[in-house]
Amino acid sequence: MMSNYSLTLSYPEHKEGSLKIDLLELKKAAVILRALNHKLRQQILRLIDENKKITVTDIYIKLRLEQSVASQHLAILRKAGFVKTSREGKYIYYSVNPERLNEVMRYTSQLLTHQ
């Protein structure tokens, strides 16, 4: 059986008799992984890491991007939790969130080892 947000599969040998897959959670996880699986976002993360903290202006100048493109990709990385922001006066600085990256890489590694 399938609804918009879940998929239930019947498995008589499974102790509960069925397996429920939360499709909304699955979709959210895919968005998080997709945030890392993009060359430009990988370049942005590398640049932020090299500088420890950096403004959007410095990012788009160093990578030769339009400001709107840099901001769009930073928003994706921020929404996925891979970058953090801090305000200093009128400037907003971006920094890498290593805890979040480690967390996602641990889960990814678990997925790959349970094939």
PDB file of N, CA and C in Angstrom:
ATOM      1  N   MET A   1       0.842  -1.168   0.000  1.00  0.00           N
ATOM      2  CA  MET A   1       0.000   0.000   0.000  1.00  0.00           C
ATOM      3  C   MET A   1       0.892   1.237   0.000  1.00  0.00           C
ATOM      4  N   MET A   2       0.409   2.325  -0.673  1.00  0.00           N
ATOM      5  CA  MET A   2       1.222   3.529  -0.769  1.00  0.00           C
ATOM      6  C   MET A   2       0.346   4.757  -0.600  1.00  0.00           C
ATOM      7  N   SER A   3       0.793   5.692   0.248  1.00  0.00           N
ATOM      8  CA  SER A   3       0.144   6.999   0.342  1.00  0.00           C
ATOM      9  C   SER A   3       1.140   8.010  -0.209  1.00  0.00           C
ATOM     10  N   ASN A   4       0.819   9.291  -0.081  1.00  0.00           N
ATOM     11  CA  ASN A   4       1.744  10.310  -0.558  1.00  0.00           C
ATOM     12  C   ASN A   4       3.019  10.367   0.268  1.00  0.00           C
ATOM     13  N   TYR A   5       2.959   9.892   1.515  1.00  0.00           N
ATOM     14  CA  TYR A   5       4.097  10.054   2.416  1.00  0.00           C
ATOM     15  C   TYR A   5       4.684   8.760   2.934  1.00  0.00           C
ATOM     16  N   SER A   6       4.066   7.635   2.625  1.00  0.00           N
ATOM     17  CA  SER A   6       4.633   6.382   3.115  1.00  0.00           C
ATOM     18  C   SER A   6       4.347   5.247   2.141  1.00  0.00           C
ATOM     19  N   LEU A   7       5.164   4.244   2.271  1.00  0.00           N
ATOM     20  CA  LEU A   7       5.038   3.050   1.466  1.00  0.00           C
ATOM     21  C   LEU A   7       5.106   1.885   2.436  1.00  0.00           C
ATOM     22  N   THR A   8       4.082   1.033   2.422  1.00  0.00           N
ATOM     23  CA  THR A   8       4.067  -0.120   3.310  1.00  0.00           C
ATOM     24  C   THR A   8       4.198  -1.382   2.475  1.00  0.00           C
ATOM     25  N   LEU A   9       5.201  -2.175   2.811  1.00  0.00           N
ATOM     26  CA  LEU A   9       5.461  -3.421   2.105  1.00  0.00           C
ATOM     27  C   LEU A   9       5.146  -4.586   3.045  1.00  0.00           C
ATOM     28  N   SER A  10       4.532  -5.616   2.506  1.00  0.00           N
ATOM     29  CA  SER A  10       4.178  -6.788   3.312  1.00  0.00           C
ATOM     30  C   SER A  10       5.296  -7.806   3.300  1.00  0.00           C
ATOM     31  N   TYR A  11       5.700  -8.212   4.487  1.00  0.00           N
ATOM     32  CA  TYR A  11       6.718  -9.245   4.666  1.00  0.00           C
ATOM     33  C   TYR A  11       6.266 -10.155   5.799  1.00  0.00           C
ATOM     34  N   PRO A  12       5.577 -11.251   5.489  1.00  0.00           N
ATOM     35  CA  PRO A  12       5.081 -12.149   6.538  1.00  0.00           C
ATOM     36  C   PRO A  12       6.195 -12.659   7.459  1.00  0.00           C
ATOM     37  N   GLU A  13       7.405 -12.832   6.920  1.00  0.00           N
ATOM     38  CA  GLU A  13       8.500 -13.340   7.745  1.00  0.00           C
ATOM     39  C   GLU A  13       9.091 -12.267   8.668  1.00  0.00           C
ATOM     40  N   HIS A  14       8.786 -10.998   8.405  1.00  0.00           N
ATOM     41  CA  HIS A  14       9.245  -9.901   9.247  1.00  0.00           C
ATOM     42  C   HIS A  14       8.419  -9.896  10.526  1.00  0.00           C
ATOM     43  N   LYS A  15       9.025  -9.608  11.669  1.00  0.00           N
ATOM     44  CA  LYS A  15       8.312  -9.756  12.939  1.00  0.00           C
ATOM     45  C   LYS A  15       7.059  -8.882  13.042  1.00  0.00           C
ATOM     46  N   GLU A  16       7.042  -7.704  12.405  1.00  0.00           N
ATOM     47  CA  GLU A  16       5.838  -6.869  12.426  1.00  0.00           C
ATOM     48  C   GLU A  16       4.891  -7.216  11.275  1.00  0.00           C
ATOM     49  N   GLY A  17       5.342  -8.005  10.324  1.00  0.00           N
ATOM     50  CA  GLY A  17       4.510  -8.393   9.193  1.00  0.00           C
ATOM     51  C   GLY A  17       4.529  -7.416   8.035  1.00  0.00           C
ATOM     52  N   SER A  18       5.033  -6.195   8.271  1.00  0.00           N
ATOM     53  CA  SER A  18       5.134  -5.226   7.190  1.00  0.00           C
ATOM     54  C   SER A  18       6.280  -4.262   7.486  1.00  0.00           C
ATOM     55  N   LEU A  19       6.675  -3.588   6.466  1.00  0.00           N
ATOM     56  CA  LEU A  19       7.759  -2.620   6.570  1.00  0.00           C
ATOM     57  C   LEU A  19       7.234  -1.293   6.047  1.00  0.00           C
ATOM     58  N   LYS A  20       7.272  -0.263   6.885  1.00  0.00           N
ATOM     59  CA  LYS A  20       6.776   1.050   6.484  1.00  0.00           C
ATOM     60  C   LYS A  20       7.955   1.963   6.174  1.00  0.00           C
ATOM     61  N   ILE A  21       7.924   2.541   4.987  1.00  0.00           N
ATOM     62  CA  ILE A  21       8.978   3.459   4.544  1.00  0.00           C
ATOM     63  C   ILE A  21       8.386   4.867   4.511  1.00  0.00           C
ATOM     64  N   ASP A  22       8.988   5.766   5.269  1.00  0.00           N
ATOM     65  CA  ASP A  22       8.538   7.154   5.303  1.00  0.00           C
ATOM     66  C   ASP A  22       9.158   7.886   4.112  1.00  0.00           C
ATOM     67  N   LEU A  23       8.363   8.119   3.084  1.00  0.00           N
ATOM     68  CA  LEU A  23       8.868   8.714   1.844  1.00  0.00           C
ATOM     69  C   LEU A  23       9.284  10.169   2.017  1.00  0.00           C
ATOM     70  N   LEU A  24       8.645  10.876   2.917  1.00  0.00           N
ATOM     71  CA  LEU A  24       9.007  12.268   3.171  1.00  0.00           C
ATOM     72  C   LEU A  24      10.402  12.345   3.798  1.00  0.00           C
ATOM     73  N   GLU A  25      10.667  11.454   4.754  1.00  0.00           N
ATOM     74  CA  GLU A  25      11.995  11.399   5.367  1.00  0.00           C
ATOM     75  C   GLU A  25      13.047  10.987   4.341  1.00  0.00           C
ATOM     76  N   LEU A  26      12.698  10.051   3.488  1.00  0.00           N
ATOM     77  CA  LEU A  26      13.605   9.601   2.440  1.00  0.00           C
ATOM     78  C   LEU A  26      13.941  10.744   1.482  1.00  0.00           C
ATOM     79  N   LYS A  27      12.929  11.521   1.135  1.00  0.00           N
ATOM     80  CA  LYS A  27      13.126  12.660   0.239  1.00  0.00           C
ATOM     81  C   LYS A  27      14.024  13.714   0.885  1.00  0.00           C
ATOM     82  N   LYS A  28      13.821  13.965   2.171  1.00  0.00           N
ATOM     83  CA  LYS A  28      14.657  14.933   2.892  1.00  0.00           C
ATOM     84  C   LYS A  28      16.112  14.472   2.920  1.00  0.00           C
ATOM     85  N   ALA A  29      16.323  13.180   3.149  1.00  0.00           N
ATOM     86  CA  ALA A  29      17.685  12.631   3.173  1.00  0.00           C
ATOM     87  C   ALA A  29      18.345  12.772   1.801  1.00  0.00           C
ATOM     88  N   ALA A  30      17.592  12.553   0.744  1.00  0.00           N
ATOM     89  CA  ALA A  30      18.129  12.685  -0.615  1.00  0.00           C
ATOM     90  C   ALA A  30      18.555  14.129  -0.891  1.00  0.00           C
ATOM     91  N   VAL A  31      17.775  15.088  -0.415  1.00  0.00           N
ATOM     92  CA  VAL A  31      18.111  16.506  -0.596  1.00  0.00           C
ATOM     93  C   VAL A  31      19.432  16.821   0.106  1.00  0.00           C
ATOM     94  N   ILE A  32      19.630  16.266   1.291  1.00  0.00           N
ATOM     95  CA  ILE A  32      20.861  16.493   2.044  1.00  0.00           C
ATOM     96  C   ILE A  32      22.062  15.914   1.304  1.00  0.00           C
ATOM     97  N   LEU A  33      21.925  14.690   0.807  1.00  0.00           N
ATOM     98  CA  LEU A  33      23.034  14.077   0.066  1.00  0.00           C
ATOM     99  C   LEU A  33      23.304  14.817  -1.245  1.00  0.00           C
ATOM    100  N   ARG A  34      22.232  15.255  -1.909  1.00  0.00           N
ATOM    101  CA  ARG A  34      22.390  16.001  -3.162  1.00  0.00           C
ATOM    102  C   ARG A  34      23.134  17.325  -2.942  1.00  0.00           C
ATOM    103  N   ALA A  35      22.978  17.894  -1.763  1.00  0.00           N
ATOM    104  CA  ALA A  35      23.669  19.153  -1.469  1.00  0.00           C
ATOM    105  C   ALA A  35      25.187  18.984  -1.564  1.00  0.00           C
ATOM    106  N   LEU A  36      25.682  17.822  -1.187  1.00  0.00           N
ATOM    107  CA  LEU A  36      27.125  17.551  -1.258  1.00  0.00           C
ATOM    108  C   LEU A  36      27.555  17.039  -2.620  1.00  0.00           C
ATOM    109  N   ASN A  37      26.640  16.443  -3.343  1.00  0.00           N
ATOM    110  CA  ASN A  37      26.981  15.798  -4.611  1.00  0.00           C
ATOM    111  C   ASN A  37      26.860  16.788  -5.774  1.00  0.00           C
ATOM    112  N   HIS A  38      27.592  17.902  -5.660  1.00  0.00           N
ATOM    113  CA  HIS A  38      27.554  18.943  -6.689  1.00  0.00           C
ATOM    114  C   HIS A  38      28.928  19.603  -6.719  1.00  0.00           C
ATOM    115  N   LYS A  39      29.542  19.651  -7.883  1.00  0.00           N
ATOM    116  CA  LYS A  39      30.926  20.145  -8.004  1.00  0.00           C
ATOM    117  C   LYS A  39      31.112  21.561  -7.463  1.00  0.00           C
ATOM    118  N   LEU A  40      30.202  22.474  -7.808  1.00  0.00           N
ATOM    119  CA  LEU A  40      30.356  23.858  -7.363  1.00  0.00           C
ATOM    120  C   LEU A  40      30.211  23.960  -5.846  1.00  0.00           C
ATOM    121  N   ARG A  41      29.252  23.229  -5.279  1.00  0.00           N
ATOM    122  CA  ARG A  41      29.101  23.268  -3.824  1.00  0.00           C
ATOM    123  C   ARG A  41      30.307  22.645  -3.133  1.00  0.00           C
ATOM    124  N   GLN A  42      30.919  21.653  -3.755  1.00  0.00           N
ATOM    125  CA  GLN A  42      32.147  21.073  -3.205  1.00  0.00           C
ATOM    126  C   GLN A  42      33.275  22.112  -3.236  1.00  0.00           C
ATOM    127  N   GLN A  43      33.357  22.887  -4.316  1.00  0.00           N
ATOM    128  CA  GLN A  43      34.359  23.954  -4.416  1.00  0.00           C
ATOM    129  C   GLN A  43      34.117  25.015  -3.342  1.00  0.00           C
ATOM    130  N   ILE A  44      32.848  25.372  -3.146  1.00  0.00           N
ATOM    131  CA  ILE A  44      32.506  26.372  -2.141  1.00  0.00           C
ATOM    132  C   ILE A  44      32.899  25.873  -0.757  1.00  0.00           C
ATOM    133  N   LEU A  45      32.573  24.620  -0.443  1.00  0.00           N
ATOM    134  CA  LEU A  45      32.945  24.048   0.859  1.00  0.00           C
ATOM    135  C   LEU A  45      34.461  24.054   1.049  1.00  0.00           C
ATOM    136  N   ARG A  46      35.192  23.682   0.005  1.00  0.00           N
ATOM    137  CA  ARG A  46      36.654  23.662   0.075  1.00  0.00           C
ATOM    138  C   ARG A  46      37.196  25.064   0.354  1.00  0.00           C
ATOM    139  N   LEU A  47      36.646  26.064  -0.350  1.00  0.00           N
ATOM    140  CA  LEU A  47      37.079  27.451  -0.169  1.00  0.00           C
ATOM    141  C   LEU A  47      36.783  27.937   1.246  1.00  0.00           C
ATOM    142  N   ILE A  48      35.604  27.625   1.733  1.00  0.00           N
ATOM    143  CA  ILE A  48      35.250  28.025   3.099  1.00  0.00           C
ATOM    144  C   ILE A  48      36.199  27.365   4.090  1.00  0.00           C
ATOM    145  N   ASP A  49      36.463  26.079   3.899  1.00  0.00           N
ATOM    146  CA  ASP A  49      37.353  25.348   4.801  1.00  0.00           C
ATOM    147  C   ASP A  49      38.765  25.938   4.781  1.00  0.00           C
ATOM    148  N   GLU A  50      39.263  26.270   3.606  1.00  0.00           N
ATOM    149  CA  GLU A  50      40.606  26.848   3.494  1.00  0.00           C
ATOM    150  C   GLU A  50      40.714  28.180   4.222  1.00  0.00           C
ATOM    151  N   ASN A  51      39.622  28.954   4.211  1.00  0.00           N
ATOM    152  CA  ASN A  51      39.618  30.282   4.833  1.00  0.00           C
ATOM    153  C   ASN A  51      39.081  30.276   6.258  1.00  0.00           C
ATOM    154  N   LYS A  52      38.539  29.163   6.696  1.00  0.00           N
ATOM    155  CA  LYS A  52      37.916  28.982   8.024  1.00  0.00           C
ATOM    156  C   LYS A  52      36.616  29.762   8.164  1.00  0.00           C
ATOM    157  N   LYS A  53      36.591  31.008   7.738  1.00  0.00           N
ATOM    158  CA  LYS A  53      35.337  31.761   7.650  1.00  0.00           C
ATOM    159  C   LYS A  53      35.487  32.781   6.532  1.00  0.00           C
ATOM    160  N   ILE A  54      34.372  33.010   5.820  1.00  0.00           N
ATOM    161  CA  ILE A  54      34.462  33.830   4.611  1.00  0.00           C
ATOM    162  C   ILE A  54      33.082  34.423   4.311  1.00  0.00           C
ATOM    163  N   THR A  55      33.065  35.591   3.702  1.00  0.00           N
ATOM    164  CA  THR A  55      31.794  36.221   3.326  1.00  0.00           C
ATOM    165  C   THR A  55      31.360  35.749   1.945  1.00  0.00           C
ATOM    166  N   VAL A  56      30.093  35.932   1.651  1.00  0.00           N
ATOM    167  CA  VAL A  56      29.577  35.561   0.328  1.00  0.00           C
ATOM    168  C   VAL A  56      30.292  36.370  -0.758  1.00  0.00           C
ATOM    169  N   THR A  57      30.620  37.608  -0.455  1.00  0.00           N
ATOM    170  CA  THR A  57      31.324  38.455  -1.426  1.00  0.00           C
ATOM    171  C   THR A  57      32.672  37.839  -1.790  1.00  0.00           C
ATOM    172  N   ASP A  58      33.425  37.424  -0.783  1.00  0.00           N
ATOM    173  CA  ASP A  58      34.721  36.796  -1.046  1.00  0.00           C
ATOM    174  C   ASP A  58      34.562  35.501  -1.838  1.00  0.00           C
ATOM    175  N   ILE A  59      33.510  34.755  -1.538  1.00  0.00           N
ATOM    176  CA  ILE A  59      33.261  33.494  -2.252  1.00  0.00           C
ATOM    177  C   ILE A  59      33.007  33.750  -3.730  1.00  0.00           C
ATOM    178  N   TYR A  60      32.078  34.670  -4.024  1.00  0.00           N
ATOM    179  CA  TYR A  60      31.756  34.844  -5.445  1.00  0.00           C
ATOM    180  C   TYR A  60      32.887  35.517  -6.221  1.00  0.00           C
ATOM    181  N   ILE A  61      33.679  36.345  -5.549  1.00  0.00           N
ATOM    182  CA  ILE A  61      34.829  36.954  -6.243  1.00  0.00           C
ATOM    183  C   ILE A  61      35.894  35.896  -6.527  1.00  0.00           C
ATOM    184  N   LYS A  62      36.245  35.091  -5.507  1.00  0.00           N
ATOM    185  CA  LYS A  62      37.312  34.098  -5.674  1.00  0.00           C
ATOM    186  C   LYS A  62      36.934  32.986  -6.648  1.00  0.00           C
ATOM    187  N   LEU A  63      35.650  32.631  -6.690  1.00  0.00           N
ATOM    188  CA  LEU A  63      35.218  31.570  -7.603  1.00  0.00           C
ATOM    189  C   LEU A  63      34.686  32.109  -8.926  1.00  0.00           C
ATOM    190  N   ARG A  64      34.708  33.425  -9.079  1.00  0.00           N
ATOM    191  CA  ARG A  64      34.238  34.093 -10.301  1.00  0.00           C
ATOM    192  C   ARG A  64      32.797  33.704 -10.641  1.00  0.00           C
ATOM    193  N   LEU A  65      31.924  33.896  -9.660  1.00  0.00           N
ATOM    194  CA  LEU A  65      30.505  33.565  -9.819  1.00  0.00           C
ATOM    195  C   LEU A  65      29.666  34.831  -9.748  1.00  0.00           C
ATOM    196  N   GLU A  66      28.459  34.717 -10.225  1.00  0.00           N
ATOM    197  CA  GLU A  66      27.485  35.777  -9.971  1.00  0.00           C
ATOM    198  C   GLU A  66      27.116  35.692  -8.493  1.00  0.00           C
ATOM    199  N   GLN A  67      26.829  36.829  -7.884  1.00  0.00           N
ATOM    200  CA  GLN A  67      26.477  36.856  -6.461  1.00  0.00           C
ATOM    201  C   GLN A  67      25.261  35.982  -6.192  1.00  0.00           C
ATOM    202  N   SER A  68      24.273  36.027  -7.085  1.00  0.00           N
ATOM    203  CA  SER A  68      23.045  35.259  -6.888  1.00  0.00           C
ATOM    204  C   SER A  68      23.309  33.752  -6.926  1.00  0.00           C
ATOM    205  N   VAL A  69      24.249  33.330  -7.768  1.00  0.00           N
ATOM    206  CA  VAL A  69      24.598  31.902  -7.874  1.00  0.00           C
ATOM    207  C   VAL A  69      25.268  31.443  -6.580  1.00  0.00           C
ATOM    208  N   ALA A  70      26.220  32.226  -6.105  1.00  0.00           N
ATOM    209  CA  ALA A  70      26.899  31.882  -4.854  1.00  0.00           C
ATOM    210  C   ALA A  70      25.900  31.810  -3.708  1.00  0.00           C
ATOM    211  N   SER A  71      25.016  32.784  -3.625  1.00  0.00           N
ATOM    212  CA  SER A  71      24.014  32.812  -2.545  1.00  0.00           C
ATOM    213  C   SER A  71      23.070  31.618  -2.620  1.00  0.00           C
ATOM    214  N   GLN A  72      22.673  31.258  -3.818  1.00  0.00           N
ATOM    215  CA  GLN A  72      21.771  30.120  -4.003  1.00  0.00           C
ATOM    216  C   GLN A  72      22.423  28.818  -3.509  1.00  0.00           C
ATOM    217  N   HIS A  73      23.672  28.609  -3.869  1.00  0.00           N
ATOM    218  CA  HIS A  73      24.361  27.385  -3.460  1.00  0.00           C
ATOM    219  C   HIS A  73      24.670  27.394  -1.960  1.00  0.00           C
ATOM    220  N   LEU A  74      24.987  28.559  -1.418  1.00  0.00           N
ATOM    221  CA  LEU A  74      25.209  28.665   0.029  1.00  0.00           C
ATOM    222  C   LEU A  74      23.926  28.355   0.797  1.00  0.00           C
ATOM    223  N   ALA A  75      22.789  28.787   0.261  1.00  0.00           N
ATOM    224  CA  ALA A  75      21.500  28.510   0.907  1.00  0.00           C
ATOM    225  C   ALA A  75      21.237  27.003   0.956  1.00  0.00           C
ATOM    226  N   ILE A  76      21.588  26.294  -0.105  1.00  0.00           N
ATOM    227  CA  ILE A  76      21.412  24.839  -0.142  1.00  0.00           C
ATOM    228  C   ILE A  76      22.315  24.174   0.895  1.00  0.00           C
ATOM    229  N   LEU A  77      23.569  24.604   0.953  1.00  0.00           N
ATOM    230  CA  LEU A  77      24.509  24.047   1.927  1.00  0.00           C
ATOM    231  C   LEU A  77      24.078  24.364   3.356  1.00  0.00           C
ATOM    232  N   ARG A  78      23.556  25.551   3.538  1.00  0.00           N
ATOM    233  CA  ARG A  78      23.099  25.964   4.878  1.00  0.00           C
ATOM    234  C   ARG A  78      21.867  25.175   5.304  1.00  0.00           C
ATOM    235  N   LYS A  79      20.927  25.006   4.385  1.00  0.00           N
ATOM    236  CA  LYS A  79      19.705  24.253   4.691  1.00  0.00           C
ATOM    237  C   LYS A  79      20.024  22.804   5.057  1.00  0.00           C
ATOM    238  N   ALA A  80      21.041  22.233   4.409  1.00  0.00           N
ATOM    239  CA  ALA A  80      21.463  20.866   4.705  1.00  0.00           C
ATOM    240  C   ALA A  80      22.307  20.793   5.976  1.00  0.00           C
ATOM    241  N   GLY A  81      22.694  21.941   6.499  1.00  0.00           N
ATOM    242  CA  GLY A  81      23.460  21.985   7.742  1.00  0.00           C
ATOM    243  C   GLY A  81      24.961  21.883   7.565  1.00  0.00           C
ATOM    244  N   PHE A  82      25.460  21.983   6.336  1.00  0.00           N
ATOM    245  CA  PHE A  82      26.885  21.812   6.080  1.00  0.00           C
ATOM    246  C   PHE A  82      27.702  23.077   6.318  1.00  0.00           C
ATOM    247  N   VAL A  83      27.040  24.227   6.315  1.00  0.00           N
ATOM    248  CA  VAL A  83      27.719  25.476   6.658  1.00  0.00           C
ATOM    249  C   VAL A  83      26.922  26.202   7.730  1.00  0.00           C
ATOM    250  N   LYS A  84      27.650  26.984   8.521  1.00  0.00           N
ATOM    251  CA  LYS A  84      27.049  27.798   9.571  1.00  0.00           C
ATOM    252  C   LYS A  84      27.325  29.257   9.242  1.00  0.00           C
ATOM    253  N   THR A  85      26.531  30.132   9.804  1.00  0.00           N
ATOM    254  CA  THR A  85      26.759  31.562   9.603  1.00  0.00           C
ATOM    255  C   THR A  85      26.963  32.240  10.954  1.00  0.00           C
ATOM    256  N   SER A  86      27.735  33.315  10.916  1.00  0.00           N
ATOM    257  CA  SER A  86      27.899  34.160  12.095  1.00  0.00           C
ATOM    258  C   SER A  86      27.978  35.602  11.613  1.00  0.00           C
ATOM    259  N   ARG A  87      27.417  36.484  12.396  1.00  0.00           N
ATOM    260  CA  ARG A  87      27.397  37.903  12.023  1.00  0.00           C
ATOM    261  C   ARG A  87      28.460  38.645  12.823  1.00  0.00           C
ATOM    262  N   GLU A  88      29.235  39.463  12.104  1.00  0.00           N
ATOM    263  CA  GLU A  88      30.200  40.363  12.739  1.00  0.00           C
ATOM    264  C   GLU A  88      29.966  41.736  12.135  1.00  0.00           C
ATOM    265  N   GLY A  89      29.303  42.577  12.894  1.00  0.00           N
ATOM    266  CA  GLY A  89      28.944  43.895  12.373  1.00  0.00           C
ATOM    267  C   GLY A  89      27.972  43.739  11.224  1.00  0.00           C
ATOM    268  N   LYS A  90      28.307  44.316  10.080  1.00  0.00           N
ATOM    269  CA  LYS A  90      27.410  44.216   8.930  1.00  0.00           C
ATOM    270  C   LYS A  90      27.722  43.012   8.037  1.00  0.00           C
ATOM    271  N   TYR A  91      28.727  42.220   8.401  1.00  0.00           N
ATOM    272  CA  TYR A  91      29.128  41.078   7.584  1.00  0.00           C
ATOM    273  C   TYR A  91      28.607  39.756   8.138  1.00  0.00           C
ATOM    274  N   ILE A  92      28.216  38.880   7.221  1.00  0.00           N
ATOM    275  CA  ILE A  92      27.828  37.519   7.590  1.00  0.00           C
ATOM    276  C   ILE A  92      28.922  36.597   7.069  1.00  0.00           C
ATOM    277  N   TYR A  93      29.491  35.828   7.973  1.00  0.00           N
ATOM    278  CA  TYR A  93      30.562  34.900   7.619  1.00  0.00           C
ATOM    279  C   TYR A  93      30.031  33.470   7.574  1.00  0.00           C
ATOM    280  N   TYR A  94      30.516  32.725   6.604  1.00  0.00           N
ATOM    281  CA  TYR A  94      30.182  31.311   6.466  1.00  0.00           C
ATOM    282  C   TYR A  94      31.367  30.491   6.944  1.00  0.00           C
ATOM    283  N   SER A  95      31.063  29.407   7.655  1.00  0.00           N
ATOM    284  CA  SER A  95      32.093  28.456   8.070  1.00  0.00           C
ATOM    285  C   SER A  95      31.528  27.047   7.905  1.00  0.00           C
ATOM    286  N   VAL A  96      32.429  26.089   7.784  1.00  0.00           N
ATOM    287  CA  VAL A  96      32.028  24.690   7.605  1.00  0.00           C
ATOM    288  C   VAL A  96      31.535  24.146   8.943  1.00  0.00           C
ATOM    289  N   ASN A  97      30.522  23.296   8.887  1.00  0.00           N
ATOM    290  CA  ASN A  97      30.013  22.612  10.076  1.00  0.00           C
ATOM    291  C   ASN A  97      30.538  21.167  10.043  1.00  0.00           C
ATOM    292  N   PRO A  98      31.732  20.927  10.612  1.00  0.00           N
ATOM    293  CA  PRO A  98      32.345  19.601  10.500  1.00  0.00           C
ATOM    294  C   PRO A  98      31.538  18.502  11.182  1.00  0.00           C
ATOM    295  N   GLU A  99      30.828  18.842  12.254  1.00  0.00           N
ATOM    296  CA  GLU A  99      30.017  17.836  12.944  1.00  0.00           C
ATOM    297  C   GLU A  99      28.943  17.271  12.023  1.00  0.00           C
ATOM    298  N   ARG A 100      28.299  18.150  11.288  1.00  0.00           N
ATOM    299  CA  ARG A 100      27.239  17.718  10.365  1.00  0.00           C
ATOM    300  C   ARG A 100      27.818  16.881   9.226  1.00  0.00           C
ATOM    301  N   LEU A 101      28.938  17.313   8.683  1.00  0.00           N
ATOM    302  CA  LEU A 101      29.581  16.551   7.614  1.00  0.00           C
ATOM    303  C   LEU A 101      29.982  15.166   8.107  1.00  0.00           C
ATOM    304  N   ASN A 102      30.561  15.091   9.306  1.00  0.00           N
ATOM    305  CA  ASN A 102      30.936  13.793   9.877  1.00  0.00           C
ATOM    306  C   ASN A 102      29.724  12.903  10.072  1.00  0.00           C
ATOM    307  N   GLU A 103      28.634  13.486  10.556  1.00  0.00           N
ATOM    308  CA  GLU A 103      27.404  12.734  10.782  1.00  0.00           C
ATOM    309  C   GLU A 103      26.892  12.120   9.471  1.00  0.00           C
ATOM    310  N   VAL A 104      26.825  12.915   8.441  1.00  0.00           N
ATOM    311  CA  VAL A 104      26.319  12.436   7.148  1.00  0.00           C
ATOM    312  C   VAL A 104      27.263  11.387   6.558  1.00  0.00           C
ATOM    313  N   MET A 105      28.563  11.604   6.705  1.00  0.00           N
ATOM    314  CA  MET A 105      29.512  10.627   6.163  1.00  0.00           C
ATOM    315  C   MET A 105      29.450   9.300   6.928  1.00  0.00           C
ATOM    316  N   ARG A 106      29.181   9.342   8.230  1.00  0.00           N
ATOM    317  CA  ARG A 106      29.007   8.101   9.001  1.00  0.00           C
ATOM    318  C   ARG A 106      27.808   7.318   8.491  1.00  0.00           C
ATOM    319  N   TYR A 107      26.681   8.005   8.294  1.00  0.00           N
ATOM    320  CA  TYR A 107      25.472   7.341   7.789  1.00  0.00           C
ATOM    321  C   TYR A 107      25.690   6.795   6.380  1.00  0.00           C
ATOM    322  N   THR A 108      26.374   7.574   5.550  1.00  0.00           N
ATOM    323  CA  THR A 108      26.651   7.140   4.185  1.00  0.00           C
ATOM    324  C   THR A 108      27.523   5.890   4.197  1.00  0.00           C
ATOM    325  N   SER A 109      28.512   5.900   5.048  1.00  0.00           N
ATOM    326  CA  SER A 109      29.403   4.743   5.165  1.00  0.00           C
ATOM    327  C   SER A 109      28.630   3.501   5.616  1.00  0.00           C
ATOM    328  N   GLN A 110      27.708   3.679   6.557  1.00  0.00           N
ATOM    329  CA  GLN A 110      26.875   2.556   7.021  1.00  0.00           C
ATOM    330  C   GLN A 110      26.020   2.008   5.881  1.00  0.00           C
ATOM    331  N   LEU A 111      25.458   2.903   5.076  1.00  0.00           N
ATOM    332  CA  LEU A 111      24.652   2.461   3.936  1.00  0.00           C
ATOM    333  C   LEU A 111      25.480   1.629   2.963  1.00  0.00           C
ATOM    334  N   LEU A 112      26.701   2.052   2.736  1.00  0.00           N
ATOM    335  CA  LEU A 112      27.539   1.367   1.765  1.00  0.00           C
ATOM    336  C   LEU A 112      28.079   0.031   2.269  1.00  0.00           C
ATOM    337  N   THR A 113      28.207  -0.126   3.574  1.00  0.00           N
ATOM    338  CA  THR A 113      28.749  -1.364   4.118  1.00  0.00           C
ATOM    339  C   THR A 113      27.662  -2.415   4.350  1.00  0.00           C
ATOM    340  N   HIS A 114      26.405  -2.041   4.257  1.00  0.00           N
ATOM    341  CA  HIS A 114      25.298  -2.985   4.476  1.00  0.00           C
ATOM    342  C   HIS A 114      24.632  -3.379   3.159  1.00  0.00           C
ATOM    343  N   GLN A 115      25.422  -3.728   2.168  1.00  0.00           N
ATOM    344  CA  GLN A 115      24.854  -4.078   0.867  1.00  0.00           C
ATOM    345  C   GLN A 115      24.540  -5.557   0.818  1.00  0.00           C
TER     346      GLN A 115
END
